Amino acid sequence: MENKKYLNDLSEIREMMNRSSRFISLSGLAGVFAGIYAIIGAVLANILLSNHGSLYVSGDSSLNVDAEDPALQSSLTVIAVVVLVLAVATAILLTTRKAKKNNQKIWDNTSKRLVINFFAPLTAGGLFCLVLLQYELVGLIAPAMLLFYGMALINASKYTFNDLRSLGYANVMLGLIATQFIDYGLYFWALGFGVFHIIYGGVMYNKYERKKA
């Protein structure tokens, strides 16, 4: 009996330490929705590019896009912003709801470290993508986004579920592969930000949330 009580005490201490050092309220469903938004956005972007005669130039790192077409620029920007806003809003809503259920603060030292470690490489990646756009190396933007996003996930995984690291490595590998197939950058982007997120979110939900729902 004493040994059992001792083991239970150790388990509770371990759980308390885990809660204090890791943000465990990330929602798997948020990943699923983010993936769905990304796929819808990629489909709409592909339709727009096709309608404007914008095709990847085989063997080149540029994209045959009419940069002076304000309608195309505006439409692609709107799609990107809507996808981003929907993904972030859904993540905040579902994560906040899960945090309340777990009696965990949504904004504490752990979540701050998580955000900082996530956005540091992501911000660097965003600036790098702007440089690629400046030099009209549009074909490399999708691989670069996957690479930096993957590194951001790996960096942030230290402060949340270790499973996030797997998603990060998968996106890094996909980004490296995409550098050799720049003709299909949009499809790789949809696979990494769309399909991978849906799979990851589904696994996370079944592993951590479904039993508690």
C-alpha atoms as a PDB file:
ATOM      1  CA  MET A   1       0.000   0.000   0.000  1.00  0.00           C
ATOM      2  CA  GLU A   2       2.803   2.417   0.890  1.00  0.00           C
ATOM      3  CA  ASN A   3       4.610   1.686  -2.364  1.00  0.00           C
ATOM      4  CA  LYS A   4       1.419   2.329  -4.324  1.00  0.00           C
ATOM      5  CA  LYS A   5       0.876   5.626  -2.518  1.00  0.00           C
ATOM      6  CA  TYR A   6       4.501   6.560  -3.200  1.00  0.00           C
ATOM      7  CA  LEU A   7       4.091   5.848  -6.913  1.00  0.00           C
ATOM      8  CA  ASN A   8       0.861   7.871  -7.031  1.00  0.00           C
ATOM      9  CA  ASP A   9       2.625  10.800  -5.354  1.00  0.00           C
ATOM     10  CA  LEU A  10       5.454  10.616  -7.887  1.00  0.00           C
ATOM     11  CA  SER A  11       2.922  10.541 -10.730  1.00  0.00           C
ATOM     12  CA  GLU A  12       1.180  13.640  -9.399  1.00  0.00           C
ATOM     13  CA  ILE A  13       4.484  15.479  -8.969  1.00  0.00           C
ATOM     14  CA  ARG A  14       5.513  14.560 -12.491  1.00  0.00           C
ATOM     15  CA  GLU A  15       2.187  15.814 -13.852  1.00  0.00           C
ATOM     16  CA  MET A  16       2.518  19.097 -11.951  1.00  0.00           C
ATOM     17  CA  MET A  17       6.046  19.628 -13.290  1.00  0.00           C
ATOM     18  CA  ASN A  18       4.854  18.859 -16.797  1.00  0.00           C
ATOM     19  CA  ARG A  19       2.017  21.374 -16.498  1.00  0.00           C
ATOM     20  CA  SER A  20       4.365  24.076 -15.221  1.00  0.00           C
ATOM     21  CA  SER A  21       6.986  23.601 -17.950  1.00  0.00           C
ATOM     22  CA  ARG A  22       4.785  22.799 -20.966  1.00  0.00           C
ATOM     23  CA  PHE A  23       1.709  24.392 -22.481  1.00  0.00           C
ATOM     24  CA  ILE A  24      -0.622  21.424 -22.866  1.00  0.00           C
ATOM     25  CA  SER A  25      -3.757  23.212 -24.028  1.00  0.00           C
ATOM     26  CA  LEU A  26      -3.009  23.283 -27.741  1.00  0.00           C
ATOM     27  CA  SER A  27      -6.076  21.937 -29.526  1.00  0.00           C
ATOM     28  CA  GLY A  28      -5.781  19.144 -32.054  1.00  0.00           C
ATOM     29  CA  LEU A  29      -8.994  20.289 -33.701  1.00  0.00           C
ATOM     30  CA  ALA A  30      -7.350  23.659 -34.365  1.00  0.00           C
ATOM     31  CA  GLY A  31      -4.781  21.831 -36.484  1.00  0.00           C
ATOM     32  CA  VAL A  32      -7.516  20.039 -38.411  1.00  0.00           C
ATOM     33  CA  PHE A  33      -9.347  23.285 -39.175  1.00  0.00           C
ATOM     34  CA  ALA A  34      -6.100  25.060 -40.115  1.00  0.00           C
ATOM     35  CA  GLY A  35      -5.363  22.275 -42.576  1.00  0.00           C
ATOM     36  CA  ILE A  36      -8.825  22.533 -44.113  1.00  0.00           C
ATOM     37  CA  TYR A  37      -8.493  26.317 -44.478  1.00  0.00           C
ATOM     38  CA  ALA A  38      -5.075  25.901 -46.109  1.00  0.00           C
ATOM     39  CA  ILE A  39      -6.323  23.374 -48.651  1.00  0.00           C
ATOM     40  CA  ILE A  40      -9.295  25.560 -49.574  1.00  0.00           C
ATOM     41  CA  GLY A  41      -6.970  28.549 -49.932  1.00  0.00           C
ATOM     42  CA  ALA A  42      -4.548  26.569 -52.113  1.00  0.00           C
ATOM     43  CA  VAL A  43      -7.377  25.426 -54.394  1.00  0.00           C
ATOM     44  CA  LEU A  44      -8.658  28.980 -54.794  1.00  0.00           C
ATOM     45  CA  ALA A  45      -5.129  30.289 -55.445  1.00  0.00           C
ATOM     46  CA  ASN A  46      -4.541  27.577 -58.046  1.00  0.00           C
ATOM     47  CA  ILE A  47      -7.757  28.514 -59.834  1.00  0.00           C
ATOM     48  CA  LEU A  48      -6.777  32.186 -59.870  1.00  0.00           C
ATOM     49  CA  LEU A  49      -3.277  31.476 -61.161  1.00  0.00           C
ATOM     50  CA  SER A  50      -4.628  29.174 -63.845  1.00  0.00           C
ATOM     51  CA  ASN A  51      -7.182  31.747 -64.974  1.00  0.00           C
ATOM     52  CA  HIS A  52      -4.436  34.359 -65.273  1.00  0.00           C
ATOM     53  CA  GLY A  53      -2.159  32.049 -67.237  1.00  0.00           C
ATOM     54  CA  SER A  54       0.351  31.862 -64.403  1.00  0.00           C
ATOM     55  CA  LEU A  55       2.395  28.689 -64.598  1.00  0.00           C
ATOM     56  CA  TYR A  56       5.629  27.526 -63.055  1.00  0.00           C
ATOM     57  CA  VAL A  57       8.523  27.704 -65.481  1.00  0.00           C
ATOM     58  CA  SER A  58      10.094  24.258 -65.632  1.00  0.00           C
ATOM     59  CA  GLY A  59      13.669  24.166 -64.340  1.00  0.00           C
ATOM     60  CA  ASP A  60      13.555  27.780 -63.146  1.00  0.00           C
ATOM     61  CA  SER A  61      13.061  29.294 -59.695  1.00  0.00           C
ATOM     62  CA  SER A  62      10.737  31.992 -60.996  1.00  0.00           C
ATOM     63  CA  LEU A  63       7.023  31.978 -61.577  1.00  0.00           C
ATOM     64  CA  ASN A  64       5.438  33.295 -64.743  1.00  0.00           C
ATOM     65  CA  VAL A  65       3.084  35.684 -62.950  1.00  0.00           C
ATOM     66  CA  ASP A  66       2.042  39.101 -64.148  1.00  0.00           C
ATOM     67  CA  ALA A  67       3.355  41.101 -61.176  1.00  0.00           C
ATOM     68  CA  GLU A  68       1.669  44.218 -62.505  1.00  0.00           C
ATOM     69  CA  ASP A  69      -1.794  42.681 -62.393  1.00  0.00           C
ATOM     70  CA  PRO A  70      -3.411  44.419 -59.386  1.00  0.00           C
ATOM     71  CA  ALA A  71      -6.500  42.189 -59.511  1.00  0.00           C
ATOM     72  CA  LEU A  72      -4.404  39.023 -59.178  1.00  0.00           C
ATOM     73  CA  GLN A  73      -2.261  40.505 -56.429  1.00  0.00           C
ATOM     74  CA  SER A  74      -5.299  41.668 -54.475  1.00  0.00           C
ATOM     75  CA  SER A  75      -7.107  38.344 -54.836  1.00  0.00           C
ATOM     76  CA  LEU A  76      -4.106  36.280 -53.711  1.00  0.00           C
ATOM     77  CA  THR A  77      -3.517  38.640 -50.792  1.00  0.00           C
ATOM     78  CA  VAL A  78      -7.150  38.389 -49.696  1.00  0.00           C
ATOM     79  CA  ILE A  79      -7.007  34.582 -49.821  1.00  0.00           C
ATOM     80  CA  ALA A  80      -3.792  34.502 -47.771  1.00  0.00           C
ATOM     81  CA  VAL A  81      -5.131  36.924 -45.160  1.00  0.00           C
ATOM     82  CA  VAL A  82      -8.475  35.121 -44.817  1.00  0.00           C
ATOM     83  CA  VAL A  83      -6.754  31.734 -44.384  1.00  0.00           C
ATOM     84  CA  LEU A  84      -4.384  33.189 -41.782  1.00  0.00           C
ATOM     85  CA  VAL A  85      -7.139  34.990 -39.841  1.00  0.00           C
ATOM     86  CA  LEU A  86      -9.413  31.945 -39.814  1.00  0.00           C
ATOM     87  CA  ALA A  87      -6.589  29.625 -38.698  1.00  0.00           C
ATOM     88  CA  VAL A  88      -5.412  31.949 -35.907  1.00  0.00           C
ATOM     89  CA  ALA A  89      -8.948  32.768 -34.708  1.00  0.00           C
ATOM     90  CA  THR A  90      -9.910  29.093 -34.623  1.00  0.00           C
ATOM     91  CA  ALA A  91      -6.703  28.174 -32.775  1.00  0.00           C
ATOM     92  CA  ILE A  92      -7.261  30.886 -30.156  1.00  0.00           C
ATOM     93  CA  LEU A  93     -10.913  29.909 -29.668  1.00  0.00           C
ATOM     94  CA  LEU A  94     -10.332  26.162 -29.315  1.00  0.00           C
ATOM     95  CA  THR A  95      -7.131  26.513 -27.281  1.00  0.00           C
ATOM     96  CA  THR A  96      -8.792  28.953 -24.881  1.00  0.00           C
ATOM     97  CA  ARG A  97     -11.704  26.567 -24.424  1.00  0.00           C
ATOM     98  CA  LYS A  98      -9.352  23.665 -23.749  1.00  0.00           C
ATOM     99  CA  ALA A  99      -7.269  25.747 -21.308  1.00  0.00           C
ATOM    100  CA  LYS A 100     -10.367  26.577 -19.289  1.00  0.00           C
ATOM    101  CA  LYS A 101     -11.326  22.916 -19.201  1.00  0.00           C
ATOM    102  CA  ASN A 102      -7.822  22.040 -17.943  1.00  0.00           C
ATOM    103  CA  ASN A 103      -7.906  24.907 -15.412  1.00  0.00           C
ATOM    104  CA  GLN A 104      -4.804  26.318 -17.075  1.00  0.00           C
ATOM    105  CA  LYS A 105      -4.004  29.948 -17.788  1.00  0.00           C
ATOM    106  CA  ILE A 106      -3.969  30.782 -21.494  1.00  0.00           C
ATOM    107  CA  TRP A 107      -1.205  33.360 -21.046  1.00  0.00           C
ATOM    108  CA  ASP A 108       1.582  32.544 -18.600  1.00  0.00           C
ATOM    109  CA  ASN A 109       5.366  32.220 -18.707  1.00  0.00           C
ATOM    110  CA  THR A 110       5.163  28.876 -20.502  1.00  0.00           C
ATOM    111  CA  SER A 111       2.831  30.101 -23.238  1.00  0.00           C
ATOM    112  CA  LYS A 112       4.987  33.226 -23.632  1.00  0.00           C
ATOM    113  CA  ARG A 113       8.079  31.095 -24.197  1.00  0.00           C
ATOM    114  CA  LEU A 114       6.103  28.957 -26.631  1.00  0.00           C
ATOM    115  CA  VAL A 115       5.034  31.996 -28.682  1.00  0.00           C
ATOM    116  CA  ILE A 116       8.524  33.558 -28.681  1.00  0.00           C
ATOM    117  CA  ASN A 117      10.244  30.340 -29.748  1.00  0.00           C
ATOM    118  CA  PHE A 118       7.651  29.786 -32.459  1.00  0.00           C
ATOM    119  CA  PHE A 119       7.611  33.260 -33.961  1.00  0.00           C
ATOM    120  CA  ALA A 120      11.375  33.921 -33.894  1.00  0.00           C
ATOM    121  CA  PRO A 121      12.257  31.550 -36.784  1.00  0.00           C
ATOM    122  CA  LEU A 122       8.867  32.161 -38.398  1.00  0.00           C
ATOM    123  CA  THR A 123       9.495  35.918 -38.578  1.00  0.00           C
ATOM    124  CA  ALA A 124      12.946  35.334 -40.053  1.00  0.00           C
ATOM    125  CA  GLY A 125      11.352  33.032 -42.626  1.00  0.00           C
ATOM    126  CA  GLY A 126       8.724  35.603 -43.524  1.00  0.00           C
ATOM    127  CA  LEU A 127      11.389  38.263 -44.123  1.00  0.00           C
ATOM    128  CA  PHE A 128      13.417  35.801 -46.193  1.00  0.00           C
ATOM    129  CA  CYS A 129      10.368  35.046 -48.333  1.00  0.00           C
ATOM    130  CA  LEU A 130       9.959  38.785 -48.963  1.00  0.00           C
ATOM    131  CA  VAL A 131      13.570  38.859 -50.186  1.00  0.00           C
ATOM    132  CA  LEU A 132      12.822  35.958 -52.527  1.00  0.00           C
ATOM    133  CA  LEU A 133       9.822  37.897 -53.809  1.00  0.00           C
ATOM    134  CA  GLN A 134      12.002  40.995 -54.239  1.00  0.00           C
ATOM    135  CA  TYR A 135      14.376  39.073 -56.509  1.00  0.00           C
ATOM    136  CA  GLU A 136      11.450  37.353 -58.281  1.00  0.00           C
ATOM    137  CA  LEU A 137      12.454  33.896 -57.010  1.00  0.00           C
ATOM    138  CA  VAL A 138       8.805  33.094 -56.427  1.00  0.00           C
ATOM    139  CA  GLY A 139       9.231  29.387 -57.045  1.00  0.00           C
ATOM    140  CA  LEU A 140      11.351  29.058 -53.903  1.00  0.00           C
ATOM    141  CA  ILE A 141       8.866  30.782 -51.616  1.00  0.00           C
ATOM    142  CA  ALA A 142       6.735  27.695 -50.933  1.00  0.00           C
ATOM    143  CA  PRO A 143       9.768  25.521 -50.027  1.00  0.00           C
ATOM    144  CA  ALA A 144      11.156  28.317 -47.832  1.00  0.00           C
ATOM    145  CA  MET A 145       7.830  28.697 -46.023  1.00  0.00           C
ATOM    146  CA  LEU A 146       7.730  24.967 -45.296  1.00  0.00           C
ATOM    147  CA  LEU A 147      11.344  24.949 -44.087  1.00  0.00           C
ATOM    148  CA  PHE A 148      11.045  27.900 -41.721  1.00  0.00           C
ATOM    149  CA  TYR A 149       7.619  26.812 -40.488  1.00  0.00           C
ATOM    150  CA  GLY A 150       9.002  23.361 -39.732  1.00  0.00           C
ATOM    151  CA  MET A 151      11.925  24.851 -37.819  1.00  0.00           C
ATOM    152  CA  ALA A 152       9.503  27.074 -35.886  1.00  0.00           C
ATOM    153  CA  LEU A 153       7.485  24.027 -34.848  1.00  0.00           C
ATOM    154  CA  ILE A 154      10.617  22.131 -33.769  1.00  0.00           C
ATOM    155  CA  ASN A 155      11.783  25.130 -31.760  1.00  0.00           C
ATOM    156  CA  ALA A 156       8.391  25.586 -30.072  1.00  0.00           C
ATOM    157  CA  SER A 157       7.904  21.896 -29.300  1.00  0.00           C
ATOM    158  CA  LYS A 158      10.180  22.265 -26.250  1.00  0.00           C
ATOM    159  CA  TYR A 159       7.332  24.072 -24.495  1.00  0.00           C
ATOM    160  CA  THR A 160       4.369  21.946 -25.527  1.00  0.00           C
ATOM    161  CA  PHE A 161       3.580  18.428 -26.777  1.00  0.00           C
ATOM    162  CA  ASN A 162       6.579  16.549 -28.191  1.00  0.00           C
ATOM    163  CA  ASP A 163       4.315  15.427 -31.032  1.00  0.00           C
ATOM    164  CA  LEU A 164       4.669  18.917 -32.514  1.00  0.00           C
ATOM    165  CA  ARG A 165       8.303  18.121 -33.252  1.00  0.00           C
ATOM    166  CA  SER A 166       7.259  15.356 -35.650  1.00  0.00           C
ATOM    167  CA  LEU A 167       5.103  17.788 -37.619  1.00  0.00           C
ATOM    168  CA  GLY A 168       8.054  20.168 -37.716  1.00  0.00           C
ATOM    169  CA  TYR A 169      10.483  17.584 -39.071  1.00  0.00           C
ATOM    170  CA  ALA A 170       7.914  16.465 -41.646  1.00  0.00           C
ATOM    171  CA  ASN A 171       7.561  20.034 -42.950  1.00  0.00           C
ATOM    172  CA  VAL A 172      11.333  20.567 -43.037  1.00  0.00           C
ATOM    173  CA  MET A 173      11.797  17.397 -45.075  1.00  0.00           C
ATOM    174  CA  LEU A 174       8.917  18.344 -47.363  1.00  0.00           C
ATOM    175  CA  GLY A 175      10.407  21.813 -47.859  1.00  0.00           C
ATOM    176  CA  LEU A 176      13.771  20.332 -48.855  1.00  0.00           C
ATOM    177  CA  ILE A 177      12.083  17.981 -51.324  1.00  0.00           C
ATOM    178  CA  ALA A 178      10.028  20.880 -52.715  1.00  0.00           C
ATOM    179  CA  THR A 179      13.237  22.738 -53.656  1.00  0.00           C
ATOM    180  CA  GLN A 180      13.783  20.069 -56.294  1.00  0.00           C
ATOM    181  CA  PHE A 181      10.243  20.266 -57.678  1.00  0.00           C
ATOM    182  CA  ILE A 182       9.516  23.993 -57.747  1.00  0.00           C
ATOM    183  CA  ASP A 183       7.036  23.445 -60.577  1.00  0.00           C
ATOM    184  CA  TYR A 184       4.690  22.030 -57.936  1.00  0.00           C
ATOM    185  CA  GLY A 185       5.348  24.450 -55.064  1.00  0.00           C
ATOM    186  CA  LEU A 186       1.665  25.160 -54.448  1.00  0.00           C
ATOM    187  CA  TYR A 187       0.906  21.448 -54.165  1.00  0.00           C
ATOM    188  CA  PHE A 188       3.736  20.933 -51.669  1.00  0.00           C
ATOM    189  CA  TRP A 189       2.439  23.935 -49.730  1.00  0.00           C
ATOM    190  CA  ALA A 190      -1.059  22.406 -49.633  1.00  0.00           C
ATOM    191  CA  LEU A 191       0.412  19.070 -48.516  1.00  0.00           C
ATOM    192  CA  GLY A 192       2.484  20.581 -45.698  1.00  0.00           C
ATOM    193  CA  PHE A 193       0.099  23.208 -44.380  1.00  0.00           C
ATOM    194  CA  GLY A 194      -3.051  21.311 -45.287  1.00  0.00           C
ATOM    195  CA  VAL A 195      -2.816  17.530 -45.248  1.00  0.00           C
ATOM    196  CA  PHE A 196      -0.063  17.296 -42.628  1.00  0.00           C
ATOM    197  CA  HIS A 197      -2.007  19.586 -40.296  1.00  0.00           C
ATOM    198  CA  ILE A 198      -5.183  17.555 -40.675  1.00  0.00           C
ATOM    199  CA  ILE A 199      -3.332  14.303 -39.921  1.00  0.00           C
ATOM    200  CA  TYR A 200      -1.454  15.838 -36.988  1.00  0.00           C
ATOM    201  CA  GLY A 201      -4.586  17.468 -35.567  1.00  0.00           C
ATOM    202  CA  GLY A 202      -6.552  14.240 -35.839  1.00  0.00           C
ATOM    203  CA  VAL A 203      -3.832  12.249 -34.070  1.00  0.00           C
ATOM    204  CA  MET A 204      -3.527  14.865 -31.315  1.00  0.00           C
ATOM    205  CA  TYR A 205      -7.285  14.976 -30.770  1.00  0.00           C
ATOM    206  CA  ASN A 206      -7.580  11.192 -30.513  1.00  0.00           C
ATOM    207  CA  LYS A 207      -4.532  10.970 -28.256  1.00  0.00           C
ATOM    208  CA  TYR A 208      -5.174  13.785 -25.790  1.00  0.00           C
ATOM    209  CA  GLU A 209      -8.699  15.150 -26.145  1.00  0.00           C
ATOM    210  CA  ARG A 210     -11.190  12.539 -27.286  1.00  0.00           C
ATOM    211  CA  LYS A 211     -11.143  10.593 -24.009  1.00  0.00           C
ATOM    212  CA  LYS A 212     -11.741  13.778 -22.025  1.00  0.00           C
ATOM    213  CA  ALA A 213     -14.476  15.159 -24.291  1.00  0.00           C
END
